[in-house]
C-alpha atoms as a PDB file:
ATOM      1  CA  UNK A   1     -14.105 -26.948   0.375  1.00  0.00           C
ATOM      2  CA  UNK A   2     -14.948 -24.243   2.897  1.00  0.00           C
ATOM      3  CA  UNK A   3     -16.769 -21.075   1.940  1.00  0.00           C
ATOM      4  CA  UNK A   4     -14.791 -17.883   1.627  1.00  0.00           C
ATOM      5  CA  UNK A   5     -15.153 -15.538   4.604  1.00  0.00           C
ATOM      6  CA  UNK A   6     -17.650 -12.750   4.013  1.00  0.00           C
ATOM      7  CA  UNK A   7     -17.522  -9.277   5.468  1.00  0.00           C
ATOM      8  CA  UNK A   8     -20.633  -8.423   7.454  1.00  0.00           C
ATOM      9  CA  UNK A   9     -20.763  -4.640   7.331  1.00  0.00           C
ATOM     10  CA  UNK A  10     -23.406  -4.511  10.078  1.00  0.00           C
ATOM     11  CA  UNK A  11     -20.973  -6.255  12.445  1.00  0.00           C
ATOM     12  CA  UNK A  12     -18.357  -3.537  12.025  1.00  0.00           C
ATOM     13  CA  UNK A  13     -18.024  -0.593  14.411  1.00  0.00           C
ATOM     14  CA  UNK A  14     -19.819   2.548  13.204  1.00  0.00           C
ATOM     15  CA  UNK A  15     -16.577   4.432  12.638  1.00  0.00           C
ATOM     16  CA  UNK A  16     -15.208   1.520  10.591  1.00  0.00           C
ATOM     17  CA  UNK A  17     -18.352   1.289   8.455  1.00  0.00           C
ATOM     18  CA  UNK A  18     -18.165   4.998   7.704  1.00  0.00           C
ATOM     19  CA  UNK A  19     -14.553   4.611   6.560  1.00  0.00           C
ATOM     20  CA  UNK A  20     -15.093   1.366   4.661  1.00  0.00           C
ATOM     21  CA  UNK A  21     -14.956   3.143   1.327  1.00  0.00           C
ATOM     22  CA  UNK A  22     -11.516   4.465   2.147  1.00  0.00           C
ATOM     23  CA  UNK A  23      -9.815   1.314   3.416  1.00  0.00           C
ATOM     24  CA  UNK A  24      -9.446  -2.314   2.421  1.00  0.00           C
ATOM     25  CA  UNK A  25     -11.172  -4.540   4.977  1.00  0.00           C
ATOM     26  CA  UNK A  26     -10.545  -7.888   3.296  1.00  0.00           C
ATOM     27  CA  UNK A  27      -7.602  -8.996   5.432  1.00  0.00           C
ATOM     28  CA  UNK A  28      -9.583  -8.012   8.527  1.00  0.00           C
ATOM     29  CA  UNK A  29     -12.534 -10.084   7.337  1.00  0.00           C
ATOM     30  CA  UNK A  30     -10.345 -13.138   6.739  1.00  0.00           C
ATOM     31  CA  UNK A  31      -8.742 -12.893  10.162  1.00  0.00           C
ATOM     32  CA  UNK A  32     -11.834 -11.922  12.124  1.00  0.00           C
ATOM     33  CA  UNK A  33     -12.316  -8.794  14.265  1.00  0.00           C
ATOM     34  CA  UNK A  34     -11.083 -10.320  17.521  1.00  0.00           C
ATOM     35  CA  UNK A  35      -7.737 -11.547  16.170  1.00  0.00           C
ATOM     36  CA  UNK A  36      -7.384  -8.411  14.034  1.00  0.00           C
ATOM     37  CA  UNK A  37      -7.487  -6.159  17.086  1.00  0.00           C
ATOM     38  CA  UNK A  38      -4.572  -8.066  18.665  1.00  0.00           C
ATOM     39  CA  UNK A  39      -2.262  -6.778  15.914  1.00  0.00           C
ATOM     40  CA  UNK A  40      -0.268  -3.545  16.340  1.00  0.00           C
ATOM     41  CA  UNK A  41      -1.876  -0.470  14.802  1.00  0.00           C
ATOM     42  CA  UNK A  42       0.797  -0.128  12.095  1.00  0.00           C
ATOM     43  CA  UNK A  43       0.304  -3.733  10.957  1.00  0.00           C
ATOM     44  CA  UNK A  44      -3.454  -3.159  10.707  1.00  0.00           C
ATOM     45  CA  UNK A  45      -2.846   0.042   8.767  1.00  0.00           C
ATOM     46  CA  UNK A  46      -0.511  -1.626   6.234  1.00  0.00           C
ATOM     47  CA  UNK A  47      -2.978  -4.386   5.500  1.00  0.00           C
ATOM     48  CA  UNK A  48      -5.937  -1.985   5.301  1.00  0.00           C
ATOM     49  CA  UNK A  49      -4.579   0.323   2.609  1.00  0.00           C
ATOM     50  CA  UNK A  50      -6.904   0.878  -0.302  1.00  0.00           C
ATOM     51  CA  UNK A  51      -4.669   0.531  -3.361  1.00  0.00           C
ATOM     52  CA  UNK A  52      -6.275   1.451  -6.662  1.00  0.00           C
ATOM     53  CA  UNK A  53      -5.335   3.268  -9.813  1.00  0.00           C
ATOM     54  CA  UNK A  54      -1.856   4.755  -9.445  1.00  0.00           C
ATOM     55  CA  UNK A  55      -1.642   4.207  -5.658  1.00  0.00           C
ATOM     56  CA  UNK A  56       1.272   2.165  -4.305  1.00  0.00           C
ATOM     57  CA  UNK A  57       2.618   1.143  -0.914  1.00  0.00           C
ATOM     58  CA  UNK A  58       6.426   1.171  -0.740  1.00  0.00           C
ATOM     59  CA  UNK A  59       8.679  -0.412   1.880  1.00  0.00           C
ATOM     60  CA  UNK A  60      12.457  -0.008   1.869  1.00  0.00           C
ATOM     61  CA  UNK A  61      14.958  -2.048   3.838  1.00  0.00           C
ATOM     62  CA  UNK A  62      17.613  -4.725   3.653  1.00  0.00           C
ATOM     63  CA  UNK A  63      17.944  -8.494   3.768  1.00  0.00           C
ATOM     64  CA  UNK A  64      19.284  -9.526   7.170  1.00  0.00           C
ATOM     65  CA  UNK A  65      19.268 -13.325   6.853  1.00  0.00           C
ATOM     66  CA  UNK A  66      19.221 -15.743   3.921  1.00  0.00           C
ATOM     67  CA  UNK A  67      20.005 -19.433   4.230  1.00  0.00           C
ATOM     68  CA  UNK A  68      19.250 -22.409   1.972  1.00  0.00           C
ATOM     69  CA  UNK A  69      20.279 -26.023   2.220  1.00  0.00           C
ATOM     70  CA  UNK A  70      21.414 -27.927  -0.861  1.00  0.00           C
ATOM     71  CA  UNK A  71      17.898 -29.005  -1.787  1.00  0.00           C
ATOM     72  CA  UNK A  72      16.690 -25.425  -1.365  1.00  0.00           C
ATOM     73  CA  UNK A  73      19.386 -24.093  -3.692  1.00  0.00           C
ATOM     74  CA  UNK A  74      18.463 -26.692  -6.301  1.00  0.00           C
ATOM     75  CA  UNK A  75      14.779 -25.830  -5.975  1.00  0.00           C
ATOM     76  CA  UNK A  76      15.389 -22.095  -6.381  1.00  0.00           C
ATOM     77  CA  UNK A  77      17.279 -22.737  -9.625  1.00  0.00           C
ATOM     78  CA  UNK A  78      14.675 -25.160 -10.997  1.00  0.00           C
ATOM     79  CA  UNK A  79      11.908 -22.632 -10.306  1.00  0.00           C
ATOM     80  CA  UNK A  80      13.615 -20.082 -12.560  1.00  0.00           C
ATOM     81  CA  UNK A  81      11.600 -21.685 -15.387  1.00  0.00           C
ATOM     82  CA  UNK A  82       8.439 -20.151 -13.843  1.00  0.00           C
ATOM     83  CA  UNK A  83       9.932 -16.754 -13.086  1.00  0.00           C
ATOM     84  CA  UNK A  84      12.219 -17.475 -10.094  1.00  0.00           C
ATOM     85  CA  UNK A  85       9.757 -16.990  -7.197  1.00  0.00           C
ATOM     86  CA  UNK A  86      12.512 -17.857  -4.665  1.00  0.00           C
ATOM     87  CA  UNK A  87      15.846 -16.070  -4.060  1.00  0.00           C
ATOM     88  CA  UNK A  88      18.601 -17.248  -6.408  1.00  0.00           C
ATOM     89  CA  UNK A  89      21.592 -16.113  -4.342  1.00  0.00           C
ATOM     90  CA  UNK A  90      22.604 -15.943  -0.671  1.00  0.00           C
ATOM     91  CA  UNK A  91      23.607 -12.268  -0.405  1.00  0.00           C
ATOM     92  CA  UNK A  92      22.726 -10.596   2.909  1.00  0.00           C
ATOM     93  CA  UNK A  93      23.006  -7.019   4.170  1.00  0.00           C
ATOM     94  CA  UNK A  94      21.868  -5.858   0.738  1.00  0.00           C
ATOM     95  CA  UNK A  95      19.159  -3.384  -0.171  1.00  0.00           C
ATOM     96  CA  UNK A  96      15.589  -4.518  -0.703  1.00  0.00           C
ATOM     97  CA  UNK A  97      12.454  -2.695  -1.852  1.00  0.00           C
ATOM     98  CA  UNK A  98       8.888  -4.012  -1.728  1.00  0.00           C
ATOM     99  CA  UNK A  99       6.021  -2.350  -3.589  1.00  0.00           C
ATOM    100  CA  UNK A 100       2.334  -3.222  -3.432  1.00  0.00           C
ATOM    101  CA  UNK A 101      -0.033  -2.120  -6.193  1.00  0.00           C
ATOM    102  CA  UNK A 102      -3.512  -3.055  -7.373  1.00  0.00           C
ATOM    103  CA  UNK A 103      -4.058  -6.171  -9.463  1.00  0.00           C
ATOM    104  CA  UNK A 104      -6.588  -4.575 -11.800  1.00  0.00           C
ATOM    105  CA  UNK A 105      -7.495  -7.918 -13.395  1.00  0.00           C
ATOM    106  CA  UNK A 106      -8.666  -9.572 -10.166  1.00  0.00           C
ATOM    107  CA  UNK A 107      -9.063  -6.774  -7.622  1.00  0.00           C
ATOM    108  CA  UNK A 108      -6.231  -8.263  -5.556  1.00  0.00           C
ATOM    109  CA  UNK A 109      -2.729  -6.940  -4.970  1.00  0.00           C
ATOM    110  CA  UNK A 110       0.541  -7.223  -6.905  1.00  0.00           C
ATOM    111  CA  UNK A 111       3.575  -7.613  -4.639  1.00  0.00           C
ATOM    112  CA  UNK A 112       6.919  -6.782  -6.258  1.00  0.00           C
ATOM    113  CA  UNK A 113      10.074  -7.590  -4.282  1.00  0.00           C
ATOM    114  CA  UNK A 114      13.486  -6.298  -5.333  1.00  0.00           C
ATOM    115  CA  UNK A 115      16.605  -7.851  -3.818  1.00  0.00           C
ATOM    116  CA  UNK A 116      19.970  -6.262  -4.588  1.00  0.00           C
ATOM    117  CA  UNK A 117      22.899  -8.554  -5.388  1.00  0.00           C
ATOM    118  CA  UNK A 118      26.593  -7.927  -5.024  1.00  0.00           C
ATOM    119  CA  UNK A 119      27.208  -9.362  -8.470  1.00  0.00           C
ATOM    120  CA  UNK A 120      24.847  -8.336 -11.244  1.00  0.00           C
ATOM    121  CA  UNK A 121      21.425  -6.808 -11.480  1.00  0.00           C
ATOM    122  CA  UNK A 122      18.947  -7.101  -8.594  1.00  0.00           C
ATOM    123  CA  UNK A 123      16.522 -10.004  -8.550  1.00  0.00           C
ATOM    124  CA  UNK A 124      12.890  -8.956  -8.922  1.00  0.00           C
ATOM    125  CA  UNK A 125      10.123 -11.321  -7.787  1.00  0.00           C
ATOM    126  CA  UNK A 126       6.470 -10.745  -8.657  1.00  0.00           C
ATOM    127  CA  UNK A 127       3.425 -12.398  -7.117  1.00  0.00           C
ATOM    128  CA  UNK A 128      -0.240 -11.561  -6.665  1.00  0.00           C
ATOM    129  CA  UNK A 129      -2.340 -11.892  -3.547  1.00  0.00           C
ATOM    130  CA  UNK A 130      -5.837 -12.786  -4.698  1.00  0.00           C
ATOM    131  CA  UNK A 131      -8.918 -13.021  -2.505  1.00  0.00           C
ATOM    132  CA  UNK A 132     -10.011 -16.353  -3.946  1.00  0.00           C
ATOM    133  CA  UNK A 133      -9.756 -20.099  -3.476  1.00  0.00           C
ATOM    134  CA  UNK A 134     -10.830 -22.419  -0.649  1.00  0.00           C
ATOM    135  CA  UNK A 135      -9.263 -20.267   2.109  1.00  0.00           C
ATOM    136  CA  UNK A 136     -10.333 -16.908   0.658  1.00  0.00           C
ATOM    137  CA  UNK A 137      -6.718 -15.897  -0.032  1.00  0.00           C
ATOM    138  CA  UNK A 138      -4.075 -17.243  -2.388  1.00  0.00           C
ATOM    139  CA  UNK A 139      -0.652 -16.260  -3.671  1.00  0.00           C
ATOM    140  CA  UNK A 140      -0.326 -16.525  -7.450  1.00  0.00           C
ATOM    141  CA  UNK A 141       3.252 -16.706  -8.769  1.00  0.00           C
ATOM    142  CA  UNK A 142       2.478 -17.059 -12.470  1.00  0.00           C
ATOM    143  CA  UNK A 143       2.430 -19.879 -15.020  1.00  0.00           C
ATOM    144  CA  UNK A 144      -0.786 -21.144 -13.451  1.00  0.00           C
ATOM    145  CA  UNK A 145       0.812 -21.909 -10.077  1.00  0.00           C
ATOM    146  CA  UNK A 146      -1.042 -20.682  -6.984  1.00  0.00           C
ATOM    147  CA  UNK A 147      -0.802 -21.322  -3.257  1.00  0.00           C
ATOM    148  CA  UNK A 148      -3.862 -21.075  -0.972  1.00  0.00           C
ATOM    149  CA  UNK A 149      -2.989 -19.273   2.270  1.00  0.00           C
ATOM    150  CA  UNK A 150      -4.377 -19.274   5.783  1.00  0.00           C
ATOM    151  CA  UNK A 151      -4.089 -16.190   7.956  1.00  0.00           C
ATOM    152  CA  UNK A 152      -3.606 -15.905  11.722  1.00  0.00           C
ATOM    153  CA  UNK A 153      -2.457 -13.453  14.377  1.00  0.00           C
ATOM    154  CA  UNK A 154       0.194 -14.920  16.678  1.00  0.00           C
ATOM    155  CA  UNK A 155       1.971 -13.015  19.453  1.00  0.00           C
ATOM    156  CA  UNK A 156       1.264  -9.704  17.743  1.00  0.00           C
ATOM    157  CA  UNK A 157       2.470 -10.856  14.313  1.00  0.00           C
ATOM    158  CA  UNK A 158       0.488 -11.486  11.135  1.00  0.00           C
ATOM    159  CA  UNK A 159       1.222 -15.021   9.897  1.00  0.00           C
ATOM    160  CA  UNK A 160       0.539 -16.489   6.448  1.00  0.00           C
ATOM    161  CA  UNK A 161       0.776 -20.271   5.966  1.00  0.00           C
ATOM    162  CA  UNK A 162       0.502 -22.308   2.788  1.00  0.00           C
ATOM    163  CA  UNK A 163      -2.433 -24.686   2.521  1.00  0.00           C
ATOM    164  CA  UNK A 164      -1.288 -26.721  -0.470  1.00  0.00           C
ATOM    165  CA  UNK A 165      -0.449 -25.802  -4.057  1.00  0.00           C
ATOM    166  CA  UNK A 166      -2.625 -25.778  -7.157  1.00  0.00           C
ATOM    167  CA  UNK A 167      -2.197 -25.519 -10.908  1.00  0.00           C
ATOM    168  CA  UNK A 168      -4.803 -23.295 -12.515  1.00  0.00           C
ATOM    169  CA  UNK A 169      -5.827 -24.249 -16.057  1.00  0.00           C
ATOM    170  CA  UNK A 170      -8.563 -21.865 -17.143  1.00  0.00           C
ATOM    171  CA  UNK A 171     -11.565 -22.528 -14.902  1.00  0.00           C
ATOM    172  CA  UNK A 172     -10.007 -25.669 -13.478  1.00  0.00           C
ATOM    173  CA  UNK A 173      -7.891 -25.917 -10.317  1.00  0.00           C
ATOM    174  CA  UNK A 174      -5.745 -29.039 -10.045  1.00  0.00           C
ATOM    175  CA  UNK A 175      -4.149 -29.714  -6.628  1.00  0.00           C
ATOM    176  CA  UNK A 176      -0.457 -30.522  -6.971  1.00  0.00           C
ATOM    177  CA  UNK A 177       0.495 -33.909  -5.487  1.00  0.00           C
ATOM    178  CA  UNK A 178       2.731 -33.955  -2.443  1.00  0.00           C
ATOM    179  CA  UNK A 179       5.786 -35.095  -4.373  1.00  0.00           C
ATOM    180  CA  UNK A 180       5.561 -31.945  -6.510  1.00  0.00           C
ATOM    181  CA  UNK A 181       5.087 -29.652  -3.516  1.00  0.00           C
ATOM    182  CA  UNK A 182       8.045 -27.505  -2.403  1.00  0.00           C
ATOM    183  CA  UNK A 183       6.924 -27.871   1.212  1.00  0.00           C
ATOM    184  CA  UNK A 184       5.191 -25.846   3.878  1.00  0.00           C
ATOM    185  CA  UNK A 185       5.640 -22.081   3.584  1.00  0.00           C
ATOM    186  CA  UNK A 186       5.303 -19.700   6.538  1.00  0.00           C
ATOM    187  CA  UNK A 187       5.565 -15.912   6.199  1.00  0.00           C
ATOM    188  CA  UNK A 188       5.594 -13.697   9.300  1.00  0.00           C
ATOM    189  CA  UNK A 189       5.061  -9.918   9.353  1.00  0.00           C
ATOM    190  CA  UNK A 190       6.139  -8.563  12.761  1.00  0.00           C
ATOM    191  CA  UNK A 191       6.247  -4.951  13.927  1.00  0.00           C
ATOM    192  CA  UNK A 192       9.678  -3.875  15.234  1.00  0.00           C
ATOM    193  CA  UNK A 193       9.123  -0.172  15.890  1.00  0.00           C
ATOM    194  CA  UNK A 194       7.166   2.831  14.716  1.00  0.00           C
ATOM    195  CA  UNK A 195       6.839   2.412  10.951  1.00  0.00           C
ATOM    196  CA  UNK A 196       9.264  -0.536  10.887  1.00  0.00           C
ATOM    197  CA  UNK A 197       8.712  -4.272  10.564  1.00  0.00           C
ATOM    198  CA  UNK A 198      10.463  -7.593  10.011  1.00  0.00           C
ATOM    199  CA  UNK A 199       9.499  -9.993   7.250  1.00  0.00           C
ATOM    200  CA  UNK A 200      10.447 -13.668   7.664  1.00  0.00           C
ATOM    201  CA  UNK A 201       9.928 -16.457   5.135  1.00  0.00           C
ATOM    202  CA  UNK A 202      10.436 -20.100   6.086  1.00  0.00           C
ATOM    203  CA  UNK A 203      10.085 -23.028   3.662  1.00  0.00           C
ATOM    204  CA  UNK A 204      10.282 -26.576   5.041  1.00  0.00           C
ATOM    205  CA  UNK A 205       9.932 -29.919   3.316  1.00  0.00           C
ATOM    206  CA  UNK A 206       9.028 -33.150   5.177  1.00  0.00           C
ATOM    207  CA  UNK A 207      11.902 -35.029   3.493  1.00  0.00           C
ATOM    208  CA  UNK A 208      14.472 -32.339   2.683  1.00  0.00           C
ATOM    209  CA  UNK A 209      14.207 -30.225   5.822  1.00  0.00           C
ATOM    210  CA  UNK A 210      14.645 -26.456   6.025  1.00  0.00           C
ATOM    211  CA  UNK A 211      14.900 -25.476   2.358  1.00  0.00           C
ATOM    212  CA  UNK A 212      14.917 -21.715   2.848  1.00  0.00           C
ATOM    213  CA  UNK A 213      14.884 -19.080   5.561  1.00  0.00           C
ATOM    214  CA  UNK A 214      14.879 -15.403   4.662  1.00  0.00           C
ATOM    215  CA  UNK A 215      14.472 -12.329   6.867  1.00  0.00           C
ATOM    216  CA  UNK A 216      14.431  -8.651   6.054  1.00  0.00           C
ATOM    217  CA  UNK A 217      13.981  -5.376   7.944  1.00  0.00           C
ATOM    218  CA  UNK A 218      11.809  -2.734   6.292  1.00  0.00           C
ATOM    219  CA  UNK A 219      10.390   0.708   6.945  1.00  0.00           C
ATOM    220  CA  UNK A 220       7.282   2.419   5.599  1.00  0.00           C
ATOM    221  CA  UNK A 221       7.830   5.099   2.991  1.00  0.00           C
ATOM    222  CA  UNK A 222       5.082   7.609   3.693  1.00  0.00           C
ATOM    223  CA  UNK A 223       4.069  10.442   1.418  1.00  0.00           C
END
């Protein structure tokens, strides 16, 4: 198990150190300063926001692509027993809102995703990004299920990739066996214009293929 990345304040530029109390440098520390500087300024700003107390980041947009094969549709329905962390319908060109707030219990971030549906109430998906685990970052979806994530900068985009799945039982972390794994998850955050970005989620299984692909276009909502 590798050690979590640590932020060396002395290695930061003077202007960054002076502002370190005002911004969140944890994503930068995980990625490393060289890769971090390859990202567009707006991407760096989004993932450097200090969210605490009543602060929230809000992004508004629409779902532009949503496709699931048969196995993916079955998986999304089965996972409703742990809060439906995957889309449960195939509606596209519908409204979507993403909010990011502080996870006061862990110091991480709560991501809340709302997807409108043409029939019925919107689907709301909650997860928490926690700066913990063997990679230093994990996505917690509830019911003890967490997914360690690796972070990289690729062609100007910020890329999150799953690094296995674990079941958390109190202090214990039990890796889920491959046959229980939903597959490899890749999430890409790519800038598309001033204050606008594209979010893409891709879930692939070695036996069942491309389970899910979802894309959405969003824009910052600035105060």
